[in-house]
C-alpha atoms as a PDB file:
ATOM      1  CA  MET A   1     -29.330  -6.271 -41.168  1.00  0.00           C
ATOM      2  CA  SER A   2     -31.125  -2.912 -40.812  1.00  0.00           C
ATOM      3  CA  ASP A   3     -32.180  -3.645 -37.229  1.00  0.00           C
ATOM      4  CA  LEU A   4     -28.809  -5.076 -36.268  1.00  0.00           C
ATOM      5  CA  PRO A   5     -27.175  -1.950 -34.770  1.00  0.00           C
ATOM      6  CA  LEU A   6     -30.161  -1.284 -32.446  1.00  0.00           C
ATOM      7  CA  LEU A   7     -30.420  -4.922 -31.365  1.00  0.00           C
ATOM      8  CA  ALA A   8     -26.647  -5.247 -31.087  1.00  0.00           C
ATOM      9  CA  THR A   9     -26.367  -2.104 -28.953  1.00  0.00           C
ATOM     10  CA  SER A  10     -29.008  -3.459 -26.561  1.00  0.00           C
ATOM     11  CA  LEU A  11     -27.133  -6.749 -26.268  1.00  0.00           C
ATOM     12  CA  LEU A  12     -23.751  -5.068 -25.915  1.00  0.00           C
ATOM     13  CA  ASP A  13     -25.048  -2.774 -23.176  1.00  0.00           C
ATOM     14  CA  ALA A  14     -25.808  -5.869 -21.110  1.00  0.00           C
ATOM     15  CA  LEU A  15     -22.040  -6.423 -20.925  1.00  0.00           C
ATOM     16  CA  GLU A  16     -20.098  -4.544 -18.244  1.00  0.00           C
ATOM     17  CA  GLU A  17     -16.795  -4.631 -20.128  1.00  0.00           C
ATOM     18  CA  PRO A  18     -16.157  -2.618 -23.321  1.00  0.00           C
ATOM     19  CA  ALA A  19     -17.481  -4.355 -26.462  1.00  0.00           C
ATOM     20  CA  LEU A  20     -17.708  -3.415 -30.146  1.00  0.00           C
ATOM     21  CA  LEU A  21     -19.325  -4.785 -33.272  1.00  0.00           C
ATOM     22  CA  VAL A  22     -17.129  -4.342 -36.356  1.00  0.00           C
ATOM     23  CA  GLN A  23     -18.477  -4.824 -39.887  1.00  0.00           C
ATOM     24  CA  ARG A  24     -16.134  -4.565 -42.871  1.00  0.00           C
ATOM     25  CA  GLU A  25     -13.579  -2.699 -40.739  1.00  0.00           C
ATOM     26  CA  ARG A  26     -16.135  -0.171 -39.494  1.00  0.00           C
ATOM     27  CA  THR A  27     -17.458   0.136 -35.936  1.00  0.00           C
ATOM     28  CA  ILE A  28     -21.222  -0.205 -36.260  1.00  0.00           C
ATOM     29  CA  ALA A  29     -22.121  -0.620 -32.569  1.00  0.00           C
ATOM     30  CA  ALA A  30     -20.508  -0.100 -29.152  1.00  0.00           C
ATOM     31  CA  ASN A  31     -21.761  -0.334 -25.595  1.00  0.00           C
ATOM     32  CA  ALA A  32     -21.560   2.429 -23.009  1.00  0.00           C
ATOM     33  CA  ALA A  33     -18.332   1.067 -21.488  1.00  0.00           C
ATOM     34  CA  ALA A  34     -16.627   1.128 -24.898  1.00  0.00           C
ATOM     35  CA  LEU A  35     -17.801   4.662 -25.597  1.00  0.00           C
ATOM     36  CA  ARG A  36     -16.462   5.847 -22.232  1.00  0.00           C
ATOM     37  CA  LEU A  37     -13.126   4.189 -22.938  1.00  0.00           C
ATOM     38  CA  LEU A  38     -12.654   4.980 -26.618  1.00  0.00           C
ATOM     39  CA  GLY A  39     -14.834   8.049 -27.192  1.00  0.00           C
ATOM     40  CA  ASP A  40     -18.286   8.742 -28.599  1.00  0.00           C
ATOM     41  CA  SER A  41     -16.931   9.472 -32.082  1.00  0.00           C
ATOM     42  CA  ILE A  42     -15.976   5.867 -32.866  1.00  0.00           C
ATOM     43  CA  LEU A  43     -19.465   4.855 -34.086  1.00  0.00           C
ATOM     44  CA  GLY A  44     -19.754   4.563 -37.870  1.00  0.00           C
ATOM     45  CA  THR A  45     -16.033   5.189 -38.387  1.00  0.00           C
ATOM     46  CA  ASP A  46     -13.072   3.071 -39.397  1.00  0.00           C
ATOM     47  CA  VAL A  47     -12.142   0.644 -36.631  1.00  0.00           C
ATOM     48  CA  ARG A  48      -8.603   2.034 -36.757  1.00  0.00           C
ATOM     49  CA  LEU A  49      -9.924   5.146 -34.999  1.00  0.00           C
ATOM     50  CA  ALA A  50     -11.314   3.038 -32.150  1.00  0.00           C
ATOM     51  CA  VAL A  51      -8.549   0.444 -31.771  1.00  0.00           C
ATOM     52  CA  ARG A  52      -5.153   2.077 -32.113  1.00  0.00           C
ATOM     53  CA  GLN A  53      -2.999  -0.377 -30.178  1.00  0.00           C
ATOM     54  CA  PRO A  54      -0.952  -2.169 -32.894  1.00  0.00           C
ATOM     55  CA  HIS A  55      -1.308  -5.764 -31.647  1.00  0.00           C
ATOM     56  CA  ALA A  56      -5.014  -5.341 -30.928  1.00  0.00           C
ATOM     57  CA  LEU A  57      -5.660  -3.712 -34.308  1.00  0.00           C
ATOM     58  CA  ARG A  58      -3.804  -6.474 -36.130  1.00  0.00           C
ATOM     59  CA  ALA A  59      -6.008  -9.099 -34.448  1.00  0.00           C
ATOM     60  CA  VAL A  60      -9.199  -7.208 -35.354  1.00  0.00           C
ATOM     61  CA  LEU A  61      -8.211  -6.653 -38.983  1.00  0.00           C
ATOM     62  CA  ALA A  62      -7.290 -10.339 -39.345  1.00  0.00           C
ATOM     63  CA  ALA A  63     -11.014 -11.111 -38.745  1.00  0.00           C
ATOM     64  CA  ARG A  64     -10.227 -14.459 -37.123  1.00  0.00           C
ATOM     65  CA  PRO A  65     -10.841 -15.758 -33.579  1.00  0.00           C
ATOM     66  CA  ALA A  66      -8.169 -14.331 -31.295  1.00  0.00           C
ATOM     67  CA  ASP A  67      -7.348 -14.058 -27.597  1.00  0.00           C
ATOM     68  CA  LEU A  68      -4.446 -11.887 -26.493  1.00  0.00           C
ATOM     69  CA  GLU A  69      -3.271  -9.592 -23.730  1.00  0.00           C
ATOM     70  CA  VAL A  70      -2.635  -5.988 -24.681  1.00  0.00           C
ATOM     71  CA  SER A  71      -1.745  -2.790 -22.843  1.00  0.00           C
ATOM     72  CA  GLY A  72      -1.924   0.904 -23.654  1.00  0.00           C
ATOM     73  CA  ILE A  73      -5.657   1.159 -24.402  1.00  0.00           C
ATOM     74  CA  GLY A  74      -7.175   3.903 -22.274  1.00  0.00           C
ATOM     75  CA  GLY A  75      -3.851   4.566 -20.526  1.00  0.00           C
ATOM     76  CA  LEU A  76      -0.252   3.409 -20.626  1.00  0.00           C
ATOM     77  CA  GLU A  77      -0.554   1.318 -17.468  1.00  0.00           C
ATOM     78  CA  ARG A  78      -3.856  -0.386 -18.273  1.00  0.00           C
ATOM     79  CA  SER A  79      -3.843  -4.065 -19.253  1.00  0.00           C
ATOM     80  CA  TRP A  80      -6.624  -5.833 -21.142  1.00  0.00           C
ATOM     81  CA  ASP A  81      -7.601  -9.280 -22.340  1.00  0.00           C
ATOM     82  CA  LEU A  82      -8.796  -8.832 -25.945  1.00  0.00           C
ATOM     83  CA  GLN A  83     -11.226 -11.299 -27.533  1.00  0.00           C
ATOM     84  CA  VAL A  84     -12.132 -11.253 -31.219  1.00  0.00           C
ATOM     85  CA  ARG A  85     -14.980 -13.521 -32.351  1.00  0.00           C
ATOM     86  CA  PRO A  86     -16.479 -13.677 -35.902  1.00  0.00           C
ATOM     87  CA  LEU A  87     -20.284 -13.728 -35.763  1.00  0.00           C
ATOM     88  CA  GLU A  88     -20.928 -13.695 -39.526  1.00  0.00           C
ATOM     89  CA  PRO A  89     -18.575 -13.557 -42.515  1.00  0.00           C
ATOM     90  CA  ASP A  90     -18.335  -9.748 -42.305  1.00  0.00           C
ATOM     91  CA  LEU A  91     -19.215  -9.197 -38.613  1.00  0.00           C
ATOM     92  CA  LEU A  92     -16.899  -9.302 -35.580  1.00  0.00           C
ATOM     93  CA  LEU A  93     -17.461  -9.043 -31.851  1.00  0.00           C
ATOM     94  CA  VAL A  94     -14.539  -7.361 -30.057  1.00  0.00           C
ATOM     95  CA  ARG A  95     -14.468  -7.525 -26.240  1.00  0.00           C
ATOM     96  CA  LEU A  96     -12.035  -6.004 -23.747  1.00  0.00           C
ATOM     97  CA  THR A  97     -11.691  -7.250 -20.167  1.00  0.00           C
ATOM     98  CA  ASP A  98      -9.758  -4.989 -17.805  1.00  0.00           C
ATOM     99  CA  ARG A  99      -6.898  -6.828 -16.088  1.00  0.00           C
ATOM    100  CA  SER A 100      -5.137  -3.747 -14.699  1.00  0.00           C
ATOM    101  CA  ALA A 101      -5.983  -4.486 -11.066  1.00  0.00           C
ATOM    102  CA  THR A 102      -4.902  -8.120 -11.415  1.00  0.00           C
ATOM    103  CA  ARG A 103      -1.614  -7.165 -13.063  1.00  0.00           C
ATOM    104  CA  ALA A 104      -0.968  -4.482 -10.440  1.00  0.00           C
ATOM    105  CA  ALA A 105      -1.593  -7.010  -7.660  1.00  0.00           C
ATOM    106  CA  GLU A 106       0.774  -9.488  -9.294  1.00  0.00           C
ATOM    107  CA  LYS A 107       3.460  -6.819  -9.584  1.00  0.00           C
ATOM    108  CA  MET A 108       2.904  -5.852  -5.962  1.00  0.00           C
ATOM    109  CA  ARG A 109       3.351  -9.459  -4.851  1.00  0.00           C
ATOM    110  CA  VAL A 110       6.533  -9.855  -6.907  1.00  0.00           C
ATOM    111  CA  ASP A 111       7.934  -6.594  -5.547  1.00  0.00           C
ATOM    112  CA  PHE A 112       6.952  -7.562  -2.013  1.00  0.00           C
ATOM    113  CA  VAL A 113       8.748 -10.919  -2.193  1.00  0.00           C
ATOM    114  CA  ALA A 114      11.824  -9.253  -3.691  1.00  0.00           C
ATOM    115  CA  ASN A 115      11.872  -6.532  -1.022  1.00  0.00           C
ATOM    116  CA  ALA A 116      11.279  -8.971   1.832  1.00  0.00           C
ATOM    117  CA  SER A 117      14.058 -11.234   0.552  1.00  0.00           C
ATOM    118  CA  HIS A 118      16.403  -8.249   0.356  1.00  0.00           C
ATOM    119  CA  GLU A 119      15.526  -7.103   3.879  1.00  0.00           C
ATOM    120  CA  LEU A 120      16.156 -10.575   5.328  1.00  0.00           C
ATOM    121  CA  ARG A 121      19.292 -11.202   3.272  1.00  0.00           C
ATOM    122  CA  THR A 122      21.282  -8.395   4.919  1.00  0.00           C
ATOM    123  CA  PRO A 123      20.980  -9.570   8.548  1.00  0.00           C
ATOM    124  CA  LEU A 124      21.367 -13.192   7.443  1.00  0.00           C
ATOM    125  CA  ALA A 125      24.644 -12.390   5.710  1.00  0.00           C
ATOM    126  CA  THR A 126      25.899 -10.644   8.859  1.00  0.00           C
ATOM    127  CA  ILE A 127      24.909 -13.566  11.087  1.00  0.00           C
ATOM    128  CA  ILE A 128      26.521 -16.124   8.758  1.00  0.00           C
ATOM    129  CA  GLY A 129      29.724 -14.115   8.414  1.00  0.00           C
ATOM    130  CA  TYR A 130      30.201 -13.521  12.128  1.00  0.00           C
ATOM    131  CA  GLY A 131      29.131 -17.070  12.958  1.00  0.00           C
ATOM    132  CA  GLU A 132      31.687 -18.582  10.560  1.00  0.00           C
ATOM    133  CA  THR A 133      34.440 -16.381  11.969  1.00  0.00           C
ATOM    134  CA  LEU A 134      33.637 -17.423  15.534  1.00  0.00           C
ATOM    135  CA  ALA A 135      33.419 -21.100  14.571  1.00  0.00           C
ATOM    136  CA  GLU A 136      36.697 -21.187  12.621  1.00  0.00           C
ATOM    137  CA  ASP A 137      38.924 -19.210  14.987  1.00  0.00           C
ATOM    138  CA  GLY A 138      39.276 -20.921  18.336  1.00  0.00           C
ATOM    139  CA  ASP A 139      41.703 -18.319  19.723  1.00  0.00           C
ATOM    140  CA  PHE A 140      39.535 -15.330  18.913  1.00  0.00           C
ATOM    141  CA  PRO A 141      40.079 -12.440  21.393  1.00  0.00           C
ATOM    142  CA  SER A 142      37.316 -12.255  23.979  1.00  0.00           C
ATOM    143  CA  GLU A 143      36.448  -8.623  23.250  1.00  0.00           C
ATOM    144  CA  HIS A 144      35.992  -9.433  19.542  1.00  0.00           C
ATOM    145  CA  ARG A 145      33.980 -12.534  20.398  1.00  0.00           C
ATOM    146  CA  SER A 146      31.690 -10.440  22.582  1.00  0.00           C
ATOM    147  CA  ARG A 147      31.271  -7.796  19.869  1.00  0.00           C
ATOM    148  CA  PHE A 148      30.490 -10.421  17.229  1.00  0.00           C
ATOM    149  CA  GLY A 149      28.042 -12.131  19.575  1.00  0.00           C
ATOM    150  CA  ARG A 150      26.171  -8.869  20.163  1.00  0.00           C
ATOM    151  CA  ALA A 151      26.033  -8.234  16.419  1.00  0.00           C
ATOM    152  CA  ILE A 152      24.591 -11.715  15.805  1.00  0.00           C
ATOM    153  CA  HIS A 153      22.029 -11.161  18.556  1.00  0.00           C
ATOM    154  CA  ASP A 154      21.007  -7.736  17.215  1.00  0.00           C
ATOM    155  CA  GLU A 155      20.674  -8.960  13.622  1.00  0.00           C
ATOM    156  CA  ALA A 156      18.668 -11.998  14.725  1.00  0.00           C
ATOM    157  CA  ARG A 157      16.312  -9.717  16.661  1.00  0.00           C
ATOM    158  CA  ARG A 158      16.004  -7.506  13.597  1.00  0.00           C
ATOM    159  CA  MET A 159      15.018 -10.521  11.484  1.00  0.00           C
ATOM    160  CA  LEU A 160      12.479 -11.506  14.130  1.00  0.00           C
ATOM    161  CA  ARG A 161      10.921  -8.030  14.024  1.00  0.00           C
ATOM    162  CA  ILE A 162      10.659  -8.191  10.220  1.00  0.00           C
ATOM    163  CA  VAL A 163       9.012 -11.631  10.343  1.00  0.00           C
ATOM    164  CA  GLN A 164       6.615 -10.508  13.093  1.00  0.00           C
ATOM    165  CA  ASP A 165       5.635  -7.421  11.106  1.00  0.00           C
ATOM    166  CA  LEU A 166       5.125  -9.500   7.962  1.00  0.00           C
ATOM    167  CA  MET A 167       2.868 -11.909   9.857  1.00  0.00           C
ATOM    168  CA  SER A 168       0.983  -9.000  11.416  1.00  0.00           C
ATOM    169  CA  LEU A 169       0.500  -7.359   8.006  1.00  0.00           C
ATOM    170  CA  SER A 170      -0.769 -10.642   6.581  1.00  0.00           C
ATOM    171  CA  ARG A 171      -3.341 -11.036   9.383  1.00  0.00           C
ATOM    172  CA  ILE A 172      -4.543  -7.439   8.988  1.00  0.00           C
ATOM    173  CA  GLU A 173      -4.933  -7.835   5.226  1.00  0.00           C
ATOM    174  CA  ALA A 174      -6.876 -11.081   5.731  1.00  0.00           C
ATOM    175  CA  ASP A 175      -9.409  -9.157   7.893  1.00  0.00           C
ATOM    176  CA  ARG A 176      -9.577  -6.021   5.761  1.00  0.00           C
ATOM    177  CA  PHE A 177     -13.154  -6.696   4.602  1.00  0.00           C
ATOM    178  CA  VAL A 178     -14.407  -7.623   8.086  1.00  0.00           C
ATOM    179  CA  PRO A 179     -15.570  -4.495   9.978  1.00  0.00           C
ATOM    180  CA  PRO A 180     -14.459  -4.489  13.629  1.00  0.00           C
ATOM    181  CA  ASP A 181     -17.329  -5.107  16.037  1.00  0.00           C
ATOM    182  CA  GLY A 182     -15.820  -3.686  19.237  1.00  0.00           C
ATOM    183  CA  ARG A 183     -16.334  -0.244  20.779  1.00  0.00           C
ATOM    184  CA  LEU A 184     -13.409   1.573  22.338  1.00  0.00           C
ATOM    185  CA  ASP A 185     -12.016   4.865  23.596  1.00  0.00           C
ATOM    186  CA  LEU A 186      -9.194   6.326  21.493  1.00  0.00           C
ATOM    187  CA  ALA A 187      -8.123   8.434  24.474  1.00  0.00           C
ATOM    188  CA  GLU A 188      -7.248   5.218  26.302  1.00  0.00           C
ATOM    189  CA  ILE A 189      -5.352   3.963  23.245  1.00  0.00           C
ATOM    190  CA  ALA A 190      -3.370   7.222  23.132  1.00  0.00           C
ATOM    191  CA  ARG A 191      -2.448   7.032  26.849  1.00  0.00           C
ATOM    192  CA  ILE A 192      -1.323   3.408  26.629  1.00  0.00           C
ATOM    193  CA  ALA A 193       0.764   4.072  23.498  1.00  0.00           C
ATOM    194  CA  ALA A 194       2.415   7.062  25.176  1.00  0.00           C
ATOM    195  CA  GLU A 195       3.332   4.909  28.168  1.00  0.00           C
ATOM    196  CA  ASN A 196       4.560   2.079  25.912  1.00  0.00           C
ATOM    197  CA  GLY A 197       6.902   4.486  24.139  1.00  0.00           C
ATOM    198  CA  ARG A 198       8.305   6.012  27.326  1.00  0.00           C
ATOM    199  CA  ARG A 199      11.305   3.702  27.755  1.00  0.00           C
ATOM    200  CA  LEU A 200      12.442   4.041  24.131  1.00  0.00           C
ATOM    201  CA  ALA A 201      12.027   7.814  24.372  1.00  0.00           C
ATOM    202  CA  GLU A 202      14.089   8.007  27.570  1.00  0.00           C
ATOM    203  CA  SER A 203      16.885   6.030  25.922  1.00  0.00           C
ATOM    204  CA  ARG A 204      17.004   8.716  23.230  1.00  0.00           C
ATOM    205  CA  GLY A 205      16.817  11.683  25.542  1.00  0.00           C
ATOM    206  CA  CYS A 206      13.219  12.728  24.957  1.00  0.00           C
ATOM    207  CA  ARG A 207       9.753  12.119  26.369  1.00  0.00           C
ATOM    208  CA  VAL A 208       6.294  11.147  25.133  1.00  0.00           C
ATOM    209  CA  VAL A 209       3.391  13.294  26.307  1.00  0.00           C
ATOM    210  CA  ALA A 210      -0.294  12.325  26.052  1.00  0.00           C
ATOM    211  CA  ASP A 211      -2.684  15.242  25.446  1.00  0.00           C
ATOM    212  CA  VAL A 212      -6.179  13.793  25.160  1.00  0.00           C
ATOM    213  CA  ALA A 213      -9.641  15.275  25.565  1.00  0.00           C
ATOM    214  CA  ASP A 214     -11.995  13.954  28.243  1.00  0.00           C
ATOM    215  CA  GLY A 215     -15.304  12.296  27.472  1.00  0.00           C
ATOM    216  CA  LEU A 216     -14.565  11.305  23.882  1.00  0.00           C
ATOM    217  CA  PRO A 217     -17.280   9.217  22.186  1.00  0.00           C
ATOM    218  CA  GLN A 218     -16.416   5.653  21.387  1.00  0.00           C
ATOM    219  CA  VAL A 219     -15.451   4.447  17.926  1.00  0.00           C
ATOM    220  CA  PRO A 220     -15.929   1.007  16.363  1.00  0.00           C
ATOM    221  CA  GLY A 221     -12.588  -0.740  16.503  1.00  0.00           C
ATOM    222  CA  ASP A 222     -10.303  -3.653  17.181  1.00  0.00           C
ATOM    223  CA  PHE A 223      -8.413  -2.780  20.373  1.00  0.00           C
ATOM    224  CA  THR A 224      -5.314  -4.841  19.533  1.00  0.00           C
ATOM    225  CA  GLN A 225      -4.974  -3.415  16.037  1.00  0.00           C
ATOM    226  CA  LEU A 226      -5.558   0.201  17.037  1.00  0.00           C
ATOM    227  CA  LEU A 227      -3.041  -0.086  19.864  1.00  0.00           C
ATOM    228  CA  GLN A 228      -0.563  -1.549  17.367  1.00  0.00           C
ATOM    229  CA  LEU A 229      -1.291   1.409  15.078  1.00  0.00           C
ATOM    230  CA  ALA A 230      -0.647   3.913  17.878  1.00  0.00           C
ATOM    231  CA  ASP A 231       2.480   2.064  19.057  1.00  0.00           C
ATOM    232  CA  ASN A 232       3.881   2.118  15.518  1.00  0.00           C
ATOM    233  CA  LEU A 233       3.250   5.861  15.167  1.00  0.00           C
ATOM    234  CA  VAL A 234       4.809   6.653  18.547  1.00  0.00           C
ATOM    235  CA  GLY A 235       7.777   4.373  17.820  1.00  0.00           C
ATOM    236  CA  ASN A 236       8.397   6.084  14.481  1.00  0.00           C
ATOM    237  CA  ALA A 237       8.153   9.537  16.052  1.00  0.00           C
ATOM    238  CA  VAL A 238      10.635   8.607  18.766  1.00  0.00           C
ATOM    239  CA  ARG A 239      13.089   6.917  16.385  1.00  0.00           C
ATOM    240  CA  TYR A 240      13.139   9.645  13.753  1.00  0.00           C
ATOM    241  CA  GLY A 241      11.834  12.754  15.519  1.00  0.00           C
ATOM    242  CA  CYS A 242      13.595  12.739  18.886  1.00  0.00           C
ATOM    243  CA  GLY A 243      16.853  14.531  19.557  1.00  0.00           C
ATOM    244  CA  PRO A 244      18.521  17.330  21.508  1.00  0.00           C
ATOM    245  CA  GLY A 245      16.512  20.014  19.707  1.00  0.00           C
ATOM    246  CA  SER A 246      13.251  18.055  19.657  1.00  0.00           C
ATOM    247  CA  PRO A 247      12.805  16.510  23.105  1.00  0.00           C
ATOM    248  CA  GLU A 248       9.072  15.806  22.960  1.00  0.00           C
ATOM    249  CA  VAL A 249       6.605  13.601  21.085  1.00  0.00           C
ATOM    250  CA  LEU A 250       2.975  14.605  21.516  1.00  0.00           C
ATOM    251  CA  VAL A 251       0.177  11.995  21.337  1.00  0.00           C
ATOM    252  CA  GLY A 252      -3.283  13.518  21.057  1.00  0.00           C
ATOM    253  CA  ALA A 253      -6.919  12.458  20.786  1.00  0.00           C
ATOM    254  CA  ARG A 254      -9.896  14.765  20.211  1.00  0.00           C
ATOM    255  CA  GLN A 255     -13.286  14.805  18.533  1.00  0.00           C
ATOM    256  CA  GLU A 256     -13.773  16.409  15.119  1.00  0.00           C
ATOM    257  CA  ARG A 257     -17.460  16.518  14.146  1.00  0.00           C
ATOM    258  CA  ASP A 258     -18.451  12.910  13.316  1.00  0.00           C
ATOM    259  CA  ALA A 259     -14.980  11.428  13.889  1.00  0.00           C
ATOM    260  CA  VAL A 260     -12.289  11.089  16.538  1.00  0.00           C
ATOM    261  CA  LEU A 261      -8.787  12.221  15.607  1.00  0.00           C
ATOM    262  CA  LEU A 262      -5.719  10.384  16.913  1.00  0.00           C
ATOM    263  CA  SER A 263      -2.505  12.290  16.205  1.00  0.00           C
ATOM    264  CA  VAL A 264       1.199  11.782  16.877  1.00  0.00           C
ATOM    265  CA  ARG A 265       3.502  14.764  16.404  1.00  0.00           C
ATOM    266  CA  ASP A 266       7.254  15.233  16.675  1.00  0.00           C
ATOM    267  CA  ARG A 267       9.574  18.218  16.210  1.00  0.00           C
ATOM    268  CA  GLY A 268      12.297  16.366  14.342  1.00  0.00           C
ATOM    269  CA  GLU A 269      13.927  16.941  10.982  1.00  0.00           C
ATOM    270  CA  GLY A 270      10.731  16.489   8.985  1.00  0.00           C
ATOM    271  CA  ILE A 271      10.281  14.796   5.618  1.00  0.00           C
ATOM    272  CA  ALA A 272      10.539  16.266   2.124  1.00  0.00           C
ATOM    273  CA  ALA A 273       7.269  16.404   0.174  1.00  0.00           C
ATOM    274  CA  VAL A 274       8.583  14.053  -2.531  1.00  0.00           C
ATOM    275  CA  HIS A 275       8.624  11.168  -0.026  1.00  0.00           C
ATOM    276  CA  LEU A 276       5.192  11.667   1.565  1.00  0.00           C
ATOM    277  CA  PRO A 277       3.063   9.762  -1.014  1.00  0.00           C
ATOM    278  CA  ARG A 278       5.254   6.662  -0.663  1.00  0.00           C
ATOM    279  CA  LEU A 279       5.685   6.451   3.102  1.00  0.00           C
ATOM    280  CA  THR A 280       2.999   3.755   3.493  1.00  0.00           C
ATOM    281  CA  GLU A 281       4.598   1.466   0.895  1.00  0.00           C
ATOM    282  CA  ARG A 282       6.116  -1.700   2.300  1.00  0.00           C
ATOM    283  CA  PHE A 283       9.839  -1.341   2.988  1.00  0.00           C
ATOM    284  CA  TYR A 284       9.956   2.224   1.675  1.00  0.00           C
ATOM    285  CA  ARG A 285      12.449   4.289   3.638  1.00  0.00           C
ATOM    286  CA  VAL A 286      13.401   7.945   3.386  1.00  0.00           C
ATOM    287  CA  ASP A 287      16.875   7.062   4.683  1.00  0.00           C
ATOM    288  CA  ALA A 288      17.482   3.305   4.542  1.00  0.00           C
ATOM    289  CA  ALA A 289      20.707   3.321   6.584  1.00  0.00           C
ATOM    290  CA  ARG A 290      19.215   5.468   9.343  1.00  0.00           C
ATOM    291  CA  SER A 291      16.057   3.368   9.457  1.00  0.00           C
ATOM    292  CA  ARG A 292      17.995   0.136   9.947  1.00  0.00           C
ATOM    293  CA  ASP A 293      20.234   1.719  12.587  1.00  0.00           C
ATOM    294  CA  SER A 294      17.125   2.897  14.436  1.00  0.00           C
ATOM    295  CA  GLY A 295      15.622  -0.594  14.468  1.00  0.00           C
ATOM    296  CA  GLY A 296      12.838   0.082  11.948  1.00  0.00           C
ATOM    297  CA  THR A 297      11.580  -2.678   9.650  1.00  0.00           C
ATOM    298  CA  GLY A 298      10.109  -0.460   6.921  1.00  0.00           C
ATOM    299  CA  LEU A 299       6.649  -1.978   7.519  1.00  0.00           C
ATOM    300  CA  GLY A 300       5.280   0.194  10.327  1.00  0.00           C
ATOM    301  CA  LEU A 301       3.349   2.702   8.217  1.00  0.00           C
ATOM    302  CA  ALA A 302       2.165  -0.018   5.820  1.00  0.00           C
ATOM    303  CA  ILE A 303       0.593  -1.740   8.847  1.00  0.00           C
ATOM    304  CA  VAL A 304      -0.908   1.580   9.972  1.00  0.00           C
ATOM    305  CA  LYS A 305      -2.446   2.169   6.525  1.00  0.00           C
ATOM    306  CA  HIS A 306      -4.116  -1.255   6.418  1.00  0.00           C
ATOM    307  CA  ILE A 307      -5.473  -0.914   9.970  1.00  0.00           C
ATOM    308  CA  VAL A 308      -6.951   2.494   9.079  1.00  0.00           C
ATOM    309  CA  GLU A 309      -8.535   1.054   5.931  1.00  0.00           C
ATOM    310  CA  ARG A 310     -10.100  -1.813   7.867  1.00  0.00           C
ATOM    311  CA  HIS A 311     -11.592   0.714  10.322  1.00  0.00           C
ATOM    312  CA  ARG A 312     -12.978   2.816   7.424  1.00  0.00           C
ATOM    313  CA  GLY A 313     -10.886   5.762   8.574  1.00  0.00           C
ATOM    314  CA  THR A 314      -8.499   8.198   6.918  1.00  0.00           C
ATOM    315  CA  LEU A 315      -4.754   8.675   7.287  1.00  0.00           C
ATOM    316  CA  ALA A 316      -2.859  11.935   6.750  1.00  0.00           C
ATOM    317  CA  ILE A 317       0.889  12.546   7.072  1.00  0.00           C
ATOM    318  CA  LEU A 318       1.858  16.208   7.415  1.00  0.00           C
ATOM    319  CA  SER A 319       5.522  17.132   7.345  1.00  0.00           C
ATOM    320  CA  LYS A 320       8.001  19.780   6.244  1.00  0.00           C
ATOM    321  CA  PRO A 321      11.791  19.680   6.490  1.00  0.00           C
ATOM    322  CA  GLY A 322      12.861  21.403   9.677  1.00  0.00           C
ATOM    323  CA  GLU A 323       9.352  21.512  11.136  1.00  0.00           C
ATOM    324  CA  GLY A 324       8.734  17.931  12.245  1.00  0.00           C
ATOM    325  CA  THR A 325       6.031  15.448  11.304  1.00  0.00           C
ATOM    326  CA  GLU A 326       2.437  14.887  12.367  1.00  0.00           C
ATOM    327  CA  VAL A 327       0.456  11.743  11.534  1.00  0.00           C
ATOM    328  CA  GLN A 328      -3.322  12.023  11.840  1.00  0.00           C
ATOM    329  CA  VAL A 329      -5.773   9.119  11.948  1.00  0.00           C
ATOM    330  CA  ARG A 330      -9.498   9.903  11.782  1.00  0.00           C
ATOM    331  CA  LEU A 331     -11.960   7.168  12.721  1.00  0.00           C
ATOM    332  CA  PRO A 332     -15.732   7.510  12.343  1.00  0.00           C
ATOM    333  CA  LEU A 333     -17.915   7.506  15.434  1.00  0.00           C
ATOM    334  CA  ALA A 334     -19.969   4.498  16.425  1.00  0.00           C
END
């Protein structure tokens, strides 16, 4: 047994996940991953100093084969699959496999389904309620019938926008590991997006202005996705940043060293700092009622984030209450 710790350490280091050898309730060997997770001082000490999570410790001290899921090792939010395997009467192999990313993805999917169901339930309830009223009352006044009909139409269009954005987000996520192979001019994207947003801006009493540099180098990109990104940013700026005191949305494109910067800026109410980290979450809204009234789906910035990630770029949202909002997208040069 004298050569066991050296041999065991060599074998354990071949494992990527944290692993320990425990002999008579003492940690006699640990690989580098375990030492990073649990600390260098665990070697040669009581296993209770290495494994402090109650359920995990109980399984180790029982000295029997065990497989269980535990959390709280190395951080409150981290989840692990714990395996305990006896190798000899007094020797145990303890392995930890990190499941944090898997659990986080599962939670994200559950939350996404719940949020999407909630977002679709509201317009559906309106459509059903107005539809039943129209169907049951044959002598309904014409002005009320017209108002109900417009409400049904508007809510149906809102549902369609949500479904279209969900499908778009799904397609973008499916391609997130496939680098775009096109070459394009972000100045052209900025001009088209400014023109696309003109009608919506005019309906709200403001204008969209394109301010782009000439002769910008091309960037690798998917034209359809980057135009969708720019359209979403301009649409958000017009919906939430246009008004009597903020009559202009500025769309810019310029080179910054080894990248091209696309920016959309408004002079609206701005956003409190507490909201900024969550703006790209699906269905997150600073003001839910205002967002729905403005025609937003709550998915626009989530789509923008995924498009930026696919293009290996960076996204920054700069805002202060009373000073407006600027969204900056930097894409690397071809």
